[in-house]
């Protein structure tokens, strides 16, 4: 038996899944392929954009806002110049949608976004 690859879906803990989902869809450009509702309230939902998938969950409120995810762009051609241009364009898109974007450093330059609960998304620039 051979494995074709792994597929990981990180879980981001949030206080209110609907609020978090609106941010990911309306401001970051994600889609929402499925959600789990109980008693008229969404408790778990998936958000995806261009191969990046996250699960939003309210089951453990004490964990809300403590997530950190690194997101890398897969580009063709995959050159440092193309990566920088794509991230700069993504930043402008986020800012047009009202997202607070910060510059950060993790041994290399990163574009940082905090979701409404304080979970952080780090988009890495190429490491010189």
Protein backbone atom coordinates (compact mmCIF):
# COMPACT_ATOMS: atom_id res chain seq x y z
CA UNK A 1 0.00 0.00 0.00
CA UNK A 2 1.28 3.47 -0.83
CA UNK A 3 0.01 6.73 0.53
CA UNK A 4 -0.88 9.43 -1.94
CA UNK A 5 -0.35 12.14 0.67
CA UNK A 6 -1.74 13.53 3.85
CA UNK A 7 -4.52 16.04 4.23
CA UNK A 8 -4.57 18.09 7.43
CA UNK A 9 -7.34 20.39 8.60
CA UNK A 10 -6.29 22.48 11.60
CA UNK A 11 -8.97 23.39 14.11
CA UNK A 12 -9.31 27.00 15.22
CA UNK A 13 -11.26 27.39 18.43
CA UNK A 14 -13.70 30.29 18.39
CA UNK A 15 -16.40 31.67 20.68
CA UNK A 16 -19.06 32.02 17.96
CA UNK A 17 -18.71 29.98 14.77
CA UNK A 18 -21.14 32.15 12.76
CA UNK A 19 -19.19 35.33 13.58
CA UNK A 20 -15.86 33.68 12.76
CA UNK A 21 -17.26 32.19 9.56
CA UNK A 22 -18.52 35.58 8.36
CA UNK A 23 -14.99 36.97 8.84
CA UNK A 24 -13.33 34.12 6.94
CA UNK A 25 -15.88 34.24 4.09
CA UNK A 26 -16.64 37.97 3.81
CA UNK A 27 -13.20 39.38 4.58
CA UNK A 28 -10.67 36.69 3.72
CA UNK A 29 -12.40 35.17 0.69
CA UNK A 30 -12.90 31.65 2.03
CA UNK A 31 -15.91 29.48 1.16
CA UNK A 32 -17.99 27.39 3.57
CA UNK A 33 -18.55 23.90 2.14
CA UNK A 34 -20.17 22.47 5.27
CA UNK A 35 -21.30 23.24 8.81
CA UNK A 36 -22.70 21.29 11.75
CA UNK A 37 -25.71 22.81 13.48
CA UNK A 38 -27.51 21.76 16.62
CA UNK A 39 -30.47 23.52 18.24
CA UNK A 40 -30.36 26.26 15.59
CA UNK A 41 -26.73 27.16 16.24
CA UNK A 42 -23.61 26.38 14.21
CA UNK A 43 -21.00 24.61 16.33
CA UNK A 44 -18.47 23.44 13.73
CA UNK A 45 -17.80 24.67 10.18
CA UNK A 46 -15.17 24.31 7.51
CA UNK A 47 -13.68 27.29 5.69
CA UNK A 48 -11.50 26.87 2.60
CA UNK A 49 -9.67 28.94 0.07
CA UNK A 50 -7.39 27.67 -2.68
CA UNK A 51 -6.42 24.46 -0.90
CA UNK A 52 -6.18 26.04 2.56
CA UNK A 53 -8.73 24.44 4.88
CA UNK A 54 -9.54 25.25 8.51
CA UNK A 55 -12.18 23.96 10.88
CA UNK A 56 -13.89 26.53 13.13
CA UNK A 57 -15.22 25.05 16.36
CA UNK A 58 -16.87 26.35 19.54
CA UNK A 59 -16.67 23.14 21.61
CA UNK A 60 -13.81 24.28 23.86
CA UNK A 61 -14.27 28.02 24.53
CA UNK A 62 -11.27 28.08 26.87
CA UNK A 63 -9.09 27.43 23.80
CA UNK A 64 -10.59 30.24 21.70
CA UNK A 65 -8.09 32.63 20.18
CA UNK A 66 -4.99 30.57 20.94
CA UNK A 67 -4.41 29.21 17.42
CA UNK A 68 -1.59 30.03 15.05
CA UNK A 69 -1.43 28.77 11.47
CA UNK A 70 1.29 29.27 8.87
CA UNK A 71 -0.06 29.53 5.33
CA UNK A 72 2.25 29.26 2.32
CA UNK A 73 1.24 30.12 -1.22
CA UNK A 74 1.91 27.53 -3.92
CA UNK A 75 2.66 29.41 -7.11
CA UNK A 76 3.64 28.69 -10.69
CA UNK A 77 6.29 29.90 -11.28
CA UNK A 78 7.49 29.59 -7.72
CA UNK A 79 10.10 32.33 -7.58
CA UNK A 80 10.79 34.75 -4.71
CA UNK A 81 9.60 37.63 -6.90
CA UNK A 82 6.32 35.88 -7.71
CA UNK A 83 5.79 35.03 -4.02
CA UNK A 84 6.33 38.64 -2.92
CA UNK A 85 4.03 39.98 -5.66
CA UNK A 86 1.30 37.46 -4.76
CA UNK A 87 1.50 38.26 -1.05
CA UNK A 88 1.49 42.00 -1.68
CA UNK A 89 -1.63 41.58 -3.85
CA UNK A 90 -3.25 39.40 -1.18
CA UNK A 91 -2.49 42.04 1.43
CA UNK A 92 -4.16 44.75 -0.67
CA UNK A 93 -7.17 42.47 -1.17
CA UNK A 94 -7.47 41.85 2.58
CA UNK A 95 -7.09 45.55 3.39
CA UNK A 96 -9.79 46.45 0.84
CA UNK A 97 -12.05 44.03 2.72
CA UNK A 98 -11.40 45.79 6.03
CA UNK A 99 -8.92 43.28 7.45
CA UNK A 100 -6.20 44.58 9.76
CA UNK A 101 -2.92 43.30 8.34
CA UNK A 102 0.35 43.52 10.24
CA UNK A 103 3.96 42.91 9.33
CA UNK A 104 5.70 40.31 11.43
CA UNK A 105 8.89 38.34 11.78
CA UNK A 106 9.37 34.60 12.41
CA UNK A 107 12.99 34.33 11.34
CA UNK A 108 11.69 35.71 8.06
CA UNK A 109 9.05 38.24 7.03
CA UNK A 110 5.40 37.27 7.55
CA UNK A 111 2.08 38.95 6.86
CA UNK A 112 -0.07 38.56 10.01
CA UNK A 113 -3.85 38.57 10.46
CA UNK A 114 -5.81 38.11 13.66
CA UNK A 115 -9.29 36.67 13.34
CA UNK A 116 -12.12 38.03 15.56
CA UNK A 117 -11.18 35.59 18.35
CA UNK A 118 -7.44 36.33 18.24
CA UNK A 119 -6.34 33.25 16.28
CA UNK A 120 -3.43 34.24 14.07
CA UNK A 121 -2.80 33.51 10.41
CA UNK A 122 0.81 33.95 9.26
CA UNK A 123 1.50 34.12 5.52
CA UNK A 124 5.20 33.70 4.95
CA UNK A 125 7.27 35.65 2.47
CA UNK A 126 10.24 33.87 0.88
CA UNK A 127 13.21 33.50 3.18
CA UNK A 128 16.27 35.19 1.68
